Amino acid sequence: MTAFINNDFSDIVLNRKSIRRYDDKVKISREEMLKMLDEANRAPSSVNLQPWRYVVVDTKEGKEKLKPFIHFNQLQNDTSAAMILIFGDRRNYEYGEEIYGEALNAGLMPKDVHDRQLATIIPYYQNLSLQEMDTIIVRDASLAAMQFMLVARAHGYDTNAIGGFEAVNLATTFDLDEKRYLPVLILSVGKAAESGYQSVRLSASKLTTFK
C-alpha cells in the first residue's frame, strides 16, 4: 500500500490546478516515477488492453529534443522534474495474451472466460479501422493521463496537461514507430513554484439533461 503524502481526496481533486512554473531544483527519482505510473495504470481501459505508452523526458538532452514540439509551453519544459509524453499504441492487442494470461494465472479470470475473451477480442481489435482504433486509444490514454495527474498530487507534486504540441515526428524523435504510436497528450510534472490560476467551471445544471 502506498503511503501518499496527501490523502485528502477533496483537496487532491477539487484544488488541482494547472501548474506552469515548477521548482527546478526538485527532481523525481525514476523509482518514484515508475511507482506513480503504475498507480496511473489502474485507470480503466477498453477490455483492459491498456493502450497507453509513456516516454518520460527527465534529462537535459531529452528536454532539448522536446523544445521544438511545445512552442508555447517552454516554461513547463524548462522547470519541471519531467515531461511525460503519452502515446496510444495502435497494436495494443499484442499484449492481450500477456494481460489475460496473468489474470488467469492469478486466479482473477476463469479459464473459459480467458479463452473466450482472447478468441473474441483480439481478432476484433485487429480488424478495427485506423479511425476506430485511434478513437479508443485516445479515450483510454486520456483516462490514464487524468489518473496520473491525481496520483501526482497524492505524491506531493503538480501537473499541467499540454494538448497544444506538434504531433508530427514526435514519436520518431523519441525512437518510436510513428505508424504504431499516436501522440495523445504531454504532461509536465514537478513541485509547484506557483499557486496556479483560479479558474471558472460551468455549472453542472448548464451542462446536464435528465431524461
N, C-alpha and C. Protein backbone atom coordinates (compact mmCIF):
# COMPACT_ATOMS: atom_id res chain seq x y z
N MET A 1 0.84 -1.19 0.00
CA MET A 1 0.00 0.00 0.00
C MET A 1 0.88 1.25 0.00
N THR A 2 0.60 2.16 -0.90
CA THR A 2 1.38 3.39 -0.99
C THR A 2 1.04 4.33 0.15
N ALA A 3 2.05 4.89 0.79
CA ALA A 3 1.84 5.92 1.80
C ALA A 3 1.89 7.27 1.10
N PHE A 4 0.74 7.78 0.69
CA PHE A 4 0.68 9.05 -0.03
C PHE A 4 1.01 10.20 0.91
N ILE A 5 1.65 11.22 0.38
CA ILE A 5 1.89 12.45 1.14
C ILE A 5 0.57 13.16 1.40
N ASN A 6 -0.31 13.13 0.42
CA ASN A 6 -1.61 13.78 0.53
C ASN A 6 -2.70 12.72 0.38
N ASN A 7 -3.43 12.47 1.45
CA ASN A 7 -4.54 11.51 1.40
C ASN A 7 -5.89 12.20 1.42
N ASP A 8 -5.89 13.51 1.24
CA ASP A 8 -7.14 14.28 1.28
C ASP A 8 -7.76 14.29 -0.12
N PHE A 9 -8.73 13.40 -0.34
CA PHE A 9 -9.33 13.26 -1.67
C PHE A 9 -9.93 14.57 -2.15
N SER A 10 -10.60 15.28 -1.26
CA SER A 10 -11.22 16.54 -1.65
C SER A 10 -10.18 17.54 -2.13
N ASP A 11 -9.06 17.64 -1.43
CA ASP A 11 -8.01 18.56 -1.83
C ASP A 11 -7.38 18.14 -3.15
N ILE A 12 -7.12 16.85 -3.29
CA ILE A 12 -6.48 16.34 -4.50
C ILE A 12 -7.31 16.67 -5.74
N VAL A 13 -8.61 16.45 -5.64
CA VAL A 13 -9.48 16.62 -6.81
C VAL A 13 -9.92 18.07 -7.00
N LEU A 14 -10.41 18.69 -5.94
CA LEU A 14 -11.05 20.00 -6.08
C LEU A 14 -10.06 21.16 -6.11
N ASN A 15 -8.87 20.95 -5.58
CA ASN A 15 -7.87 22.03 -5.58
C ASN A 15 -6.77 21.84 -6.61
N ARG A 16 -6.95 20.89 -7.50
CA ARG A 16 -5.97 20.71 -8.57
C ARG A 16 -5.97 21.93 -9.49
N LYS A 17 -4.79 22.40 -9.83
CA LYS A 17 -4.64 23.50 -10.79
C LYS A 17 -3.56 23.12 -11.80
N SER A 18 -3.62 23.76 -12.95
CA SER A 18 -2.58 23.56 -13.96
C SER A 18 -1.38 24.43 -13.60
N ILE A 19 -0.26 23.78 -13.35
CA ILE A 19 0.95 24.49 -12.93
C ILE A 19 1.93 24.59 -14.10
N ARG A 20 2.41 25.79 -14.31
CA ARG A 20 3.33 26.02 -15.42
C ARG A 20 4.77 26.28 -14.96
N ARG A 21 4.93 26.76 -13.74
CA ARG A 21 6.28 27.02 -13.22
C ARG A 21 6.52 26.08 -12.03
N TYR A 22 7.64 25.35 -12.11
CA TYR A 22 8.00 24.39 -11.07
C TYR A 22 9.32 24.78 -10.42
N ASP A 23 9.57 24.21 -9.26
CA ASP A 23 10.86 24.36 -8.61
C ASP A 23 11.86 23.46 -9.35
N ASP A 24 12.73 24.07 -10.12
CA ASP A 24 13.62 23.27 -10.98
C ASP A 24 14.71 22.54 -10.20
N LYS A 25 14.78 22.76 -8.89
CA LYS A 25 15.75 22.04 -8.07
C LYS A 25 15.18 20.71 -7.56
N VAL A 26 13.88 20.55 -7.69
CA VAL A 26 13.22 19.33 -7.20
C VAL A 26 13.14 18.31 -8.32
N LYS A 27 13.73 17.15 -8.12
CA LYS A 27 13.70 16.07 -9.09
C LYS A 27 12.80 14.95 -8.57
N ILE A 28 12.37 14.11 -9.46
CA ILE A 28 11.59 12.92 -9.10
C ILE A 28 12.42 11.71 -9.51
N SER A 29 12.71 10.84 -8.56
CA SER A 29 13.51 9.66 -8.89
C SER A 29 12.75 8.80 -9.89
N ARG A 30 13.49 8.05 -10.67
CA ARG A 30 12.84 7.17 -11.64
C ARG A 30 12.06 6.07 -10.94
N GLU A 31 12.51 5.68 -9.76
CA GLU A 31 11.77 4.69 -8.98
C GLU A 31 10.39 5.23 -8.59
N GLU A 32 10.35 6.47 -8.12
CA GLU A 32 9.06 7.06 -7.75
C GLU A 32 8.21 7.31 -8.98
N MET A 33 8.84 7.72 -10.08
CA MET A 33 8.09 7.94 -11.32
C MET A 33 7.40 6.66 -11.76
N LEU A 34 8.13 5.55 -11.74
CA LEU A 34 7.53 4.28 -12.14
C LEU A 34 6.41 3.88 -11.18
N LYS A 35 6.57 4.20 -9.90
CA LYS A 35 5.51 3.93 -8.93
C LYS A 35 4.26 4.73 -9.27
N MET A 36 4.41 5.99 -9.59
CA MET A 36 3.26 6.82 -9.95
C MET A 36 2.61 6.33 -11.24
N LEU A 37 3.41 5.93 -12.20
CA LEU A 37 2.86 5.43 -13.45
C LEU A 37 2.13 4.11 -13.23
N ASP A 38 2.66 3.25 -12.35
CA ASP A 38 1.94 2.02 -12.01
C ASP A 38 0.58 2.33 -11.39
N GLU A 39 0.54 3.35 -10.56
CA GLU A 39 -0.73 3.75 -9.95
C GLU A 39 -1.67 4.36 -10.98
N ALA A 40 -1.12 5.10 -11.92
CA ALA A 40 -1.94 5.65 -13.00
C ALA A 40 -2.49 4.54 -13.88
N ASN A 41 -1.74 3.45 -14.00
CA ASN A 41 -2.17 2.32 -14.83
C ASN A 41 -3.40 1.61 -14.30
N ARG A 42 -3.84 1.98 -13.10
CA ARG A 42 -5.08 1.43 -12.57
C ARG A 42 -6.31 2.06 -13.24
N ALA A 43 -6.10 3.01 -14.11
CA ALA A 43 -7.21 3.62 -14.85
C ALA A 43 -7.90 2.56 -15.70
N PRO A 44 -9.19 2.76 -15.97
CA PRO A 44 -9.90 1.80 -16.82
C PRO A 44 -9.51 1.94 -18.28
N SER A 45 -9.66 0.85 -19.02
CA SER A 45 -9.44 0.90 -20.47
C SER A 45 -10.34 -0.13 -21.13
N SER A 46 -10.61 0.08 -22.39
CA SER A 46 -11.49 -0.82 -23.14
C SER A 46 -10.92 -2.23 -23.10
N VAL A 47 -11.74 -3.17 -22.64
CA VAL A 47 -11.38 -4.59 -22.47
C VAL A 47 -10.00 -4.76 -21.83
N ASN A 48 -9.62 -3.80 -21.02
CA ASN A 48 -8.38 -3.85 -20.22
C ASN A 48 -7.11 -4.03 -21.06
N LEU A 49 -7.09 -3.49 -22.26
CA LEU A 49 -5.90 -3.63 -23.09
C LEU A 49 -4.84 -2.55 -22.84
N GLN A 50 -5.18 -1.55 -22.01
CA GLN A 50 -4.19 -0.59 -21.52
C GLN A 50 -3.31 -0.03 -22.64
N PRO A 51 -3.87 0.69 -23.59
CA PRO A 51 -3.12 1.09 -24.78
C PRO A 51 -2.19 2.28 -24.60
N TRP A 52 -2.10 2.83 -23.38
CA TRP A 52 -1.23 3.98 -23.15
C TRP A 52 0.23 3.54 -23.08
N ARG A 53 1.10 4.39 -23.60
CA ARG A 53 2.55 4.16 -23.53
C ARG A 53 3.19 5.50 -23.14
N TYR A 54 4.22 5.43 -22.31
CA TYR A 54 4.83 6.64 -21.76
C TYR A 54 6.28 6.78 -22.22
N VAL A 55 6.65 8.02 -22.51
CA VAL A 55 8.07 8.39 -22.62
C VAL A 55 8.29 9.49 -21.59
N VAL A 56 9.12 9.21 -20.59
CA VAL A 56 9.40 10.18 -19.54
C VAL A 56 10.67 10.94 -19.92
N VAL A 57 10.52 12.21 -20.15
CA VAL A 57 11.65 13.06 -20.55
C VAL A 57 12.13 13.79 -19.30
N ASP A 58 13.23 13.32 -18.72
CA ASP A 58 13.71 13.90 -17.46
C ASP A 58 15.18 14.28 -17.51
N THR A 59 15.75 14.32 -18.71
CA THR A 59 17.15 14.73 -18.86
C THR A 59 17.22 16.04 -19.65
N LYS A 60 18.34 16.74 -19.50
CA LYS A 60 18.54 17.97 -20.25
C LYS A 60 18.50 17.71 -21.75
N GLU A 61 19.13 16.61 -22.15
CA GLU A 61 19.17 16.27 -23.58
C GLU A 61 17.78 15.97 -24.12
N GLY A 62 17.00 15.24 -23.34
CA GLY A 62 15.64 14.92 -23.76
C GLY A 62 14.78 16.15 -23.88
N LYS A 63 14.92 17.07 -22.93
CA LYS A 63 14.12 18.30 -22.96
C LYS A 63 14.51 19.18 -24.14
N GLU A 64 15.78 19.16 -24.51
CA GLU A 64 16.20 19.91 -25.69
C GLU A 64 15.53 19.35 -26.94
N LYS A 65 15.42 18.04 -27.03
CA LYS A 65 14.74 17.41 -28.16
C LYS A 65 13.26 17.80 -28.21
N LEU A 66 12.67 17.95 -27.03
CA LEU A 66 11.23 18.23 -26.95
C LEU A 66 10.89 19.67 -27.28
N LYS A 67 11.82 20.58 -27.07
CA LYS A 67 11.55 22.02 -27.21
C LYS A 67 10.82 22.40 -28.50
N PRO A 68 11.25 21.93 -29.67
CA PRO A 68 10.58 22.36 -30.90
C PRO A 68 9.11 21.94 -31.01
N PHE A 69 8.70 20.99 -30.20
CA PHE A 69 7.34 20.47 -30.30
C PHE A 69 6.34 21.18 -29.39
N ILE A 70 6.84 22.03 -28.49
CA ILE A 70 5.95 22.65 -27.50
C ILE A 70 6.19 24.16 -27.47
N HIS A 71 5.86 24.82 -28.54
CA HIS A 71 6.19 26.23 -28.74
C HIS A 71 5.77 27.13 -27.58
N PHE A 72 4.56 26.95 -27.07
CA PHE A 72 4.02 27.88 -26.07
C PHE A 72 4.11 27.34 -24.65
N ASN A 73 4.87 26.28 -24.47
CA ASN A 73 4.93 25.64 -23.15
C ASN A 73 6.37 25.40 -22.71
N GLN A 74 7.23 26.34 -23.04
CA GLN A 74 8.65 26.18 -22.71
C GLN A 74 8.91 26.26 -21.21
N LEU A 75 8.13 27.04 -20.48
CA LEU A 75 8.36 27.20 -19.05
C LEU A 75 8.20 25.85 -18.33
N GLN A 76 7.16 25.11 -18.71
CA GLN A 76 6.97 23.79 -18.10
C GLN A 76 8.15 22.88 -18.41
N ASN A 77 8.59 22.91 -19.65
CA ASN A 77 9.70 22.06 -20.06
C ASN A 77 10.99 22.42 -19.31
N ASP A 78 11.21 23.72 -19.13
CA ASP A 78 12.45 24.19 -18.51
C ASP A 78 12.50 23.90 -17.01
N THR A 79 11.35 23.96 -16.33
CA THR A 79 11.38 23.92 -14.87
C THR A 79 10.85 22.62 -14.25
N SER A 80 10.11 21.83 -15.00
CA SER A 80 9.50 20.62 -14.43
C SER A 80 10.54 19.55 -14.12
N ALA A 81 10.16 18.64 -13.24
CA ALA A 81 11.02 17.48 -12.98
C ALA A 81 11.04 16.56 -14.20
N ALA A 82 9.92 16.51 -14.90
CA ALA A 82 9.84 15.66 -16.10
C ALA A 82 8.68 16.08 -16.96
N MET A 83 8.80 15.76 -18.23
CA MET A 83 7.70 15.87 -19.18
C MET A 83 7.34 14.45 -19.59
N ILE A 84 6.07 14.12 -19.48
CA ILE A 84 5.64 12.76 -19.81
C ILE A 84 4.87 12.79 -21.12
N LEU A 85 5.41 12.14 -22.13
CA LEU A 85 4.76 12.04 -23.42
C LEU A 85 3.88 10.80 -23.39
N ILE A 86 2.60 10.99 -23.65
CA ILE A 86 1.66 9.87 -23.61
C ILE A 86 1.23 9.54 -25.03
N PHE A 87 1.46 8.30 -25.41
CA PHE A 87 1.11 7.81 -26.74
C PHE A 87 0.05 6.72 -26.62
N GLY A 88 -0.73 6.55 -27.68
CA GLY A 88 -1.63 5.42 -27.77
C GLY A 88 -1.03 4.39 -28.72
N ASP A 89 -1.04 3.14 -28.30
CA ASP A 89 -0.46 2.04 -29.08
C ASP A 89 -1.53 1.42 -29.97
N ARG A 90 -1.38 1.58 -31.26
CA ARG A 90 -2.37 1.05 -32.20
C ARG A 90 -2.33 -0.47 -32.30
N ARG A 91 -1.29 -1.08 -31.77
CA ARG A 91 -1.22 -2.55 -31.76
C ARG A 91 -1.27 -3.06 -30.32
N ASN A 92 -2.08 -2.41 -29.51
CA ASN A 92 -2.21 -2.78 -28.11
C ASN A 92 -2.68 -4.21 -27.91
N TYR A 93 -3.38 -4.76 -28.91
CA TYR A 93 -3.91 -6.12 -28.79
C TYR A 93 -2.79 -7.16 -28.72
N GLU A 94 -1.57 -6.77 -29.09
CA GLU A 94 -0.45 -7.70 -29.00
C GLU A 94 -0.12 -8.06 -27.54
N TYR A 95 -0.63 -7.25 -26.61
CA TYR A 95 -0.42 -7.53 -25.19
C TYR A 95 -1.58 -8.32 -24.60
N GLY A 96 -2.57 -8.65 -25.42
CA GLY A 96 -3.75 -9.33 -24.91
C GLY A 96 -3.45 -10.64 -24.21
N GLU A 97 -2.64 -11.48 -24.84
CA GLU A 97 -2.34 -12.79 -24.24
C GLU A 97 -1.60 -12.62 -22.92
N GLU A 98 -0.71 -11.67 -22.83
CA GLU A 98 0.03 -11.44 -21.58
C GLU A 98 -0.92 -10.95 -20.49
N ILE A 99 -1.77 -9.98 -20.82
CA ILE A 99 -2.69 -9.41 -19.82
C ILE A 99 -3.66 -10.46 -19.32
N TYR A 100 -4.33 -11.15 -20.24
CA TYR A 100 -5.32 -12.14 -19.84
C TYR A 100 -4.68 -13.37 -19.23
N GLY A 101 -3.46 -13.71 -19.70
CA GLY A 101 -2.74 -14.84 -19.13
C GLY A 101 -2.39 -14.60 -17.67
N GLU A 102 -1.93 -13.37 -17.36
CA GLU A 102 -1.61 -13.06 -15.98
C GLU A 102 -2.86 -13.07 -15.11
N ALA A 103 -3.98 -12.61 -15.66
CA ALA A 103 -5.24 -12.64 -14.90
C ALA A 103 -5.66 -14.07 -14.62
N LEU A 104 -5.46 -14.94 -15.60
CA LEU A 104 -5.79 -16.36 -15.43
C LEU A 104 -4.91 -16.99 -14.36
N ASN A 105 -3.60 -16.76 -14.45
CA ASN A 105 -2.66 -17.36 -13.52
C ASN A 105 -2.84 -16.86 -12.10
N ALA A 106 -3.34 -15.63 -11.97
CA ALA A 106 -3.56 -15.06 -10.64
C ALA A 106 -4.91 -15.46 -10.06
N GLY A 107 -5.67 -16.24 -10.80
CA GLY A 107 -6.98 -16.66 -10.33
C GLY A 107 -8.05 -15.59 -10.41
N LEU A 108 -7.80 -14.58 -11.24
CA LEU A 108 -8.74 -13.46 -11.39
C LEU A 108 -9.71 -13.66 -12.54
N MET A 109 -9.47 -14.68 -13.35
CA MET A 109 -10.30 -14.93 -14.53
C MET A 109 -10.41 -16.43 -14.75
N PRO A 110 -11.63 -16.97 -14.88
CA PRO A 110 -11.78 -18.40 -15.17
C PRO A 110 -11.23 -18.75 -16.55
N LYS A 111 -10.82 -19.98 -16.73
CA LYS A 111 -10.21 -20.41 -17.99
C LYS A 111 -11.15 -20.22 -19.17
N ASP A 112 -12.44 -20.52 -19.00
CA ASP A 112 -13.36 -20.38 -20.13
C ASP A 112 -13.53 -18.92 -20.53
N VAL A 113 -13.52 -18.03 -19.55
CA VAL A 113 -13.62 -16.60 -19.85
C VAL A 113 -12.34 -16.13 -20.54
N HIS A 114 -11.20 -16.57 -20.05
CA HIS A 114 -9.92 -16.24 -20.67
C HIS A 114 -9.90 -16.65 -22.14
N ASP A 115 -10.30 -17.87 -22.42
CA ASP A 115 -10.27 -18.37 -23.80
C ASP A 115 -11.25 -17.62 -24.68
N ARG A 116 -12.43 -17.36 -24.15
CA ARG A 116 -13.46 -16.67 -24.93
C ARG A 116 -13.06 -15.23 -25.23
N GLN A 117 -12.48 -14.56 -24.23
CA GLN A 117 -12.05 -13.17 -24.41
C GLN A 117 -10.98 -13.07 -25.50
N LEU A 118 -9.98 -13.92 -25.42
CA LEU A 118 -8.91 -13.87 -26.41
C LEU A 118 -9.41 -14.20 -27.81
N ALA A 119 -10.30 -15.18 -27.90
CA ALA A 119 -10.81 -15.60 -29.21
C ALA A 119 -11.70 -14.54 -29.83
N THR A 120 -12.30 -13.70 -28.99
CA THR A 120 -13.24 -12.69 -29.49
C THR A 120 -12.58 -11.33 -29.67
N ILE A 121 -11.88 -10.90 -28.63
CA ILE A 121 -11.39 -9.52 -28.59
C ILE A 121 -10.21 -9.29 -29.53
N ILE A 122 -9.25 -10.19 -29.54
CA ILE A 122 -8.04 -9.96 -30.34
C ILE A 122 -8.37 -9.82 -31.83
N PRO A 123 -9.13 -10.76 -32.43
CA PRO A 123 -9.47 -10.59 -33.85
C PRO A 123 -10.29 -9.32 -34.10
N TYR A 124 -11.17 -8.99 -33.15
CA TYR A 124 -11.97 -7.77 -33.32
C TYR A 124 -11.07 -6.54 -33.38
N TYR A 125 -10.13 -6.44 -32.47
CA TYR A 125 -9.23 -5.29 -32.44
C TYR A 125 -8.31 -5.27 -33.66
N GLN A 126 -7.89 -6.42 -34.10
CA GLN A 126 -7.01 -6.48 -35.28
C GLN A 126 -7.70 -5.96 -36.53
N ASN A 127 -9.01 -6.02 -36.55
CA ASN A 127 -9.77 -5.62 -37.74
C ASN A 127 -10.40 -4.24 -37.63
N LEU A 128 -10.11 -3.52 -36.58
CA LEU A 128 -10.62 -2.16 -36.46
C LEU A 128 -9.97 -1.26 -37.52
N SER A 129 -10.73 -0.28 -37.99
CA SER A 129 -10.14 0.72 -38.88
C SER A 129 -9.21 1.61 -38.06
N LEU A 130 -8.34 2.35 -38.74
CA LEU A 130 -7.42 3.25 -38.06
C LEU A 130 -8.19 4.27 -37.22
N GLN A 131 -9.25 4.81 -37.80
CA GLN A 131 -10.05 5.81 -37.07
C GLN A 131 -10.69 5.20 -35.83
N GLU A 132 -11.22 4.00 -35.95
CA GLU A 132 -11.83 3.34 -34.80
C GLU A 132 -10.81 3.06 -33.71
N MET A 133 -9.64 2.59 -34.10
CA MET A 133 -8.61 2.31 -33.11
C MET A 133 -8.13 3.59 -32.44
N ASP A 134 -7.94 4.66 -33.23
CA ASP A 134 -7.47 5.92 -32.65
C ASP A 134 -8.47 6.48 -31.66
N THR A 135 -9.75 6.34 -31.95
CA THR A 135 -10.78 6.81 -31.02
C THR A 135 -10.65 6.10 -29.68
N ILE A 136 -10.44 4.81 -29.72
CA ILE A 136 -10.32 4.01 -28.49
C ILE A 136 -9.08 4.40 -27.71
N ILE A 137 -7.94 4.48 -28.39
CA ILE A 137 -6.69 4.69 -27.65
C ILE A 137 -6.57 6.12 -27.13
N VAL A 138 -7.14 7.09 -27.83
CA VAL A 138 -7.13 8.46 -27.31
C VAL A 138 -7.97 8.54 -26.05
N ARG A 139 -9.15 7.93 -26.09
CA ARG A 139 -10.02 7.94 -24.90
C ARG A 139 -9.34 7.26 -23.72
N ASP A 140 -8.79 6.07 -23.96
CA ASP A 140 -8.20 5.31 -22.86
C ASP A 140 -6.94 5.98 -22.32
N ALA A 141 -6.09 6.47 -23.20
CA ALA A 141 -4.86 7.13 -22.75
C ALA A 141 -5.16 8.41 -21.98
N SER A 142 -6.25 9.07 -22.33
CA SER A 142 -6.65 10.29 -21.60
C SER A 142 -7.11 9.95 -20.19
N LEU A 143 -7.75 8.79 -20.03
CA LEU A 143 -8.14 8.36 -18.69
C LEU A 143 -6.90 8.11 -17.83
N ALA A 144 -5.90 7.46 -18.41
CA ALA A 144 -4.65 7.22 -17.68
C ALA A 144 -3.95 8.54 -17.34
N ALA A 145 -4.00 9.50 -18.26
CA ALA A 145 -3.38 10.80 -18.01
C ALA A 145 -4.04 11.51 -16.84
N MET A 146 -5.37 11.50 -16.81
CA MET A 146 -6.07 12.14 -15.70
C MET A 146 -5.76 11.44 -14.39
N GLN A 147 -5.70 10.12 -14.43
CA GLN A 147 -5.37 9.38 -13.21
C GLN A 147 -3.97 9.76 -12.72
N PHE A 148 -3.03 9.90 -13.66
CA PHE A 148 -1.67 10.28 -13.26
C PHE A 148 -1.67 11.65 -12.61
N MET A 149 -2.44 12.57 -13.14
CA MET A 149 -2.47 13.92 -12.58
C MET A 149 -2.93 13.92 -11.13
N LEU A 150 -3.89 13.06 -10.81
CA LEU A 150 -4.37 12.97 -9.44
C LEU A 150 -3.37 12.20 -8.56
N VAL A 151 -2.80 11.14 -9.10
CA VAL A 151 -1.78 10.39 -8.37
C VAL A 151 -0.60 11.31 -8.02
N ALA A 152 -0.19 12.13 -8.97
CA ALA A 152 0.94 13.04 -8.73
C ALA A 152 0.64 13.96 -7.55
N ARG A 153 -0.57 14.46 -7.46
CA ARG A 153 -0.93 15.32 -6.32
C ARG A 153 -0.87 14.55 -5.01
N ALA A 154 -1.26 13.29 -5.03
CA ALA A 154 -1.18 12.47 -3.83
C ALA A 154 0.28 12.27 -3.41
N HIS A 155 1.19 12.32 -4.36
CA HIS A 155 2.62 12.19 -4.07
C HIS A 155 3.26 13.54 -3.72
N GLY A 156 2.48 14.61 -3.76
CA GLY A 156 3.00 15.92 -3.41
C GLY A 156 3.49 16.75 -4.58
N TYR A 157 3.12 16.36 -5.79
CA TYR A 157 3.53 17.09 -6.98
C TYR A 157 2.31 17.69 -7.69
N ASP A 158 2.57 18.49 -8.71
CA ASP A 158 1.51 19.03 -9.53
C ASP A 158 1.84 18.82 -11.00
N THR A 159 0.86 19.09 -11.84
CA THR A 159 0.99 18.77 -13.26
C THR A 159 0.36 19.85 -14.13
N ASN A 160 0.62 19.75 -15.41
CA ASN A 160 -0.06 20.56 -16.41
C ASN A 160 -0.26 19.70 -17.65
N ALA A 161 -1.49 19.59 -18.08
CA ALA A 161 -1.80 18.82 -19.29
C ALA A 161 -1.62 19.72 -20.51
N ILE A 162 -0.81 19.28 -21.44
CA ILE A 162 -0.48 20.07 -22.63
C ILE A 162 -1.02 19.36 -23.87
N GLY A 163 -2.01 19.98 -24.48
CA GLY A 163 -2.56 19.44 -25.72
C GLY A 163 -2.06 20.17 -26.94
N GLY A 164 -1.52 21.37 -26.71
CA GLY A 164 -1.03 22.17 -27.82
C GLY A 164 0.42 21.86 -28.12
N PHE A 165 0.66 20.81 -28.87
CA PHE A 165 2.02 20.43 -29.24
C PHE A 165 2.02 19.94 -30.68
N GLU A 166 3.20 19.91 -31.27
CA GLU A 166 3.35 19.42 -32.64
C GLU A 166 3.44 17.90 -32.59
N ALA A 167 2.49 17.23 -33.21
CA ALA A 167 2.46 15.77 -33.17
C ALA A 167 3.35 15.13 -34.24
N VAL A 168 3.53 15.81 -35.36
CA VAL A 168 4.30 15.24 -36.46
C VAL A 168 5.76 15.06 -36.04
N ASN A 169 6.25 13.86 -36.20
CA ASN A 169 7.64 13.48 -35.89
C ASN A 169 7.93 13.37 -34.39
N LEU A 170 6.94 13.57 -33.53
CA LEU A 170 7.20 13.45 -32.09
C LEU A 170 7.61 12.02 -31.74
N ALA A 171 6.89 11.06 -32.27
CA ALA A 171 7.20 9.66 -31.96
C ALA A 171 8.61 9.30 -32.43
N THR A 172 8.92 9.63 -33.68
CA THR A 172 10.23 9.23 -34.22
C THR A 172 11.38 9.94 -33.51
N THR A 173 11.15 11.17 -33.07
CA THR A 173 12.19 11.90 -32.34
C THR A 173 12.57 11.18 -31.05
N PHE A 174 11.58 10.47 -30.48
CA PHE A 174 11.84 9.74 -29.24
C PHE A 174 11.85 8.22 -29.48
N ASP A 175 12.28 7.86 -30.69
CA ASP A 175 12.60 6.46 -31.04
C ASP A 175 11.40 5.52 -31.02
N LEU A 176 10.24 6.04 -31.41
CA LEU A 176 9.05 5.21 -31.53
C LEU A 176 8.58 5.19 -32.98
N ASP A 177 7.91 4.12 -33.36
CA ASP A 177 7.35 3.98 -34.70
C ASP A 177 6.11 4.86 -34.83
N GLU A 178 6.18 5.88 -35.68
CA GLU A 178 5.08 6.83 -35.77
C GLU A 178 3.80 6.21 -36.34
N LYS A 179 3.93 5.11 -37.06
CA LYS A 179 2.73 4.45 -37.58
C LYS A 179 2.01 3.67 -36.48
N ARG A 180 2.76 3.26 -35.48
CA ARG A 180 2.17 2.48 -34.39
C ARG A 180 1.72 3.35 -33.22
N TYR A 181 2.50 4.38 -32.91
CA TYR A 181 2.27 5.15 -31.69
C TYR A 181 1.70 6.53 -32.00
N LEU A 182 0.50 6.80 -31.50
CA LEU A 182 -0.20 8.06 -31.73
C LEU A 182 0.01 9.00 -30.55
N PRO A 183 0.58 10.19 -30.77
CA PRO A 183 0.72 11.15 -29.67
C PRO A 183 -0.66 11.60 -29.17
N VAL A 184 -0.87 11.54 -27.86
CA VAL A 184 -2.16 11.88 -27.28
C VAL A 184 -2.08 13.14 -26.42
N LEU A 185 -1.09 13.20 -25.54
CA LEU A 185 -1.03 14.29 -24.57
C LEU A 185 0.38 14.36 -24.00
N ILE A 186 0.76 15.55 -23.54
CA ILE A 186 2.00 15.72 -22.81
C ILE A 186 1.66 16.26 -21.43
N LEU A 187 2.24 15.69 -20.39
CA LEU A 187 2.06 16.18 -19.02
C LEU A 187 3.39 16.68 -18.49
N SER A 188 3.39 17.87 -17.90
CA SER A 188 4.54 18.28 -17.10
C SER A 188 4.24 17.91 -15.66
N VAL A 189 5.29 17.57 -14.90
CA VAL A 189 5.10 17.18 -13.50
C VAL A 189 6.29 17.65 -12.68
N GLY A 190 6.02 18.11 -11.48
CA GLY A 190 7.08 18.55 -10.59
C GLY A 190 6.51 19.20 -9.36
N LYS A 191 7.39 19.84 -8.58
CA LYS A 191 6.97 20.56 -7.37
C LYS A 191 6.60 21.99 -7.76
N ALA A 192 5.36 22.36 -7.52
CA ALA A 192 4.87 23.68 -7.94
C ALA A 192 5.68 24.81 -7.31
N ALA A 193 6.00 25.81 -8.14
CA ALA A 193 6.66 27.02 -7.66
C ALA A 193 5.73 28.22 -7.80
N GLU A 194 4.47 27.95 -8.01
CA GLU A 194 3.43 28.98 -8.10
C GLU A 194 2.13 28.35 -7.62
N SER A 195 1.16 29.19 -7.32
CA SER A 195 -0.12 28.67 -6.83
C SER A 195 -1.04 28.25 -7.96
N GLY A 196 -0.76 28.71 -9.17
CA GLY A 196 -1.65 28.39 -10.30
C GLY A 196 -2.82 29.34 -10.36
N TYR A 197 -3.45 29.39 -11.52
CA TYR A 197 -4.56 30.32 -11.72
C TYR A 197 -5.87 29.74 -11.20
N GLN A 198 -6.67 30.60 -10.58
CA GLN A 198 -8.04 30.22 -10.29
C GLN A 198 -8.80 30.20 -11.61
N SER A 199 -9.72 29.29 -11.74
CA SER A 199 -10.49 29.21 -12.99
C SER A 199 -11.96 28.96 -12.69
N VAL A 200 -12.77 29.16 -13.69
CA VAL A 200 -14.22 29.03 -13.55
C VAL A 200 -14.69 27.79 -14.28
N ARG A 201 -15.59 27.05 -13.68
CA ARG A 201 -16.20 25.90 -14.33
C ARG A 201 -17.69 26.16 -14.50
N LEU A 202 -18.22 25.76 -15.63
CA LEU A 202 -19.66 25.89 -15.84
C LEU A 202 -20.40 24.99 -14.87
N SER A 203 -21.58 25.42 -14.50
CA SER A 203 -22.42 24.65 -13.58
C SER A 203 -22.89 23.36 -14.25
N ALA A 204 -22.95 22.29 -13.47
CA ALA A 204 -23.46 21.02 -13.99
C ALA A 204 -24.88 21.19 -14.52
N SER A 205 -25.65 22.08 -13.92
CA SER A 205 -27.03 22.28 -14.37
C SER A 205 -27.09 22.83 -15.79
N LYS A 206 -26.03 23.56 -16.19
CA LYS A 206 -25.97 24.11 -17.55
C LYS A 206 -25.53 23.07 -18.56
N LEU A 207 -24.81 22.04 -18.09
CA LEU A 207 -24.21 21.05 -18.97
C LEU A 207 -24.95 19.73 -19.00
N THR A 208 -26.00 19.61 -18.22
CA THR A 208 -26.61 18.30 -18.00
C THR A 208 -28.10 18.30 -18.33
N THR A 209 -28.56 17.23 -18.91
CA THR A 209 -30.01 16.99 -19.07
C THR A 209 -30.35 15.68 -18.41
N PHE A 210 -31.53 15.60 -17.84
CA PHE A 210 -32.04 14.37 -17.25
C PHE A 210 -33.22 13.89 -18.06
N LYS A 211 -33.30 12.62 -18.32
CA LYS A 211 -34.40 12.08 -19.11
C LYS A 211 -35.14 10.98 -18.32
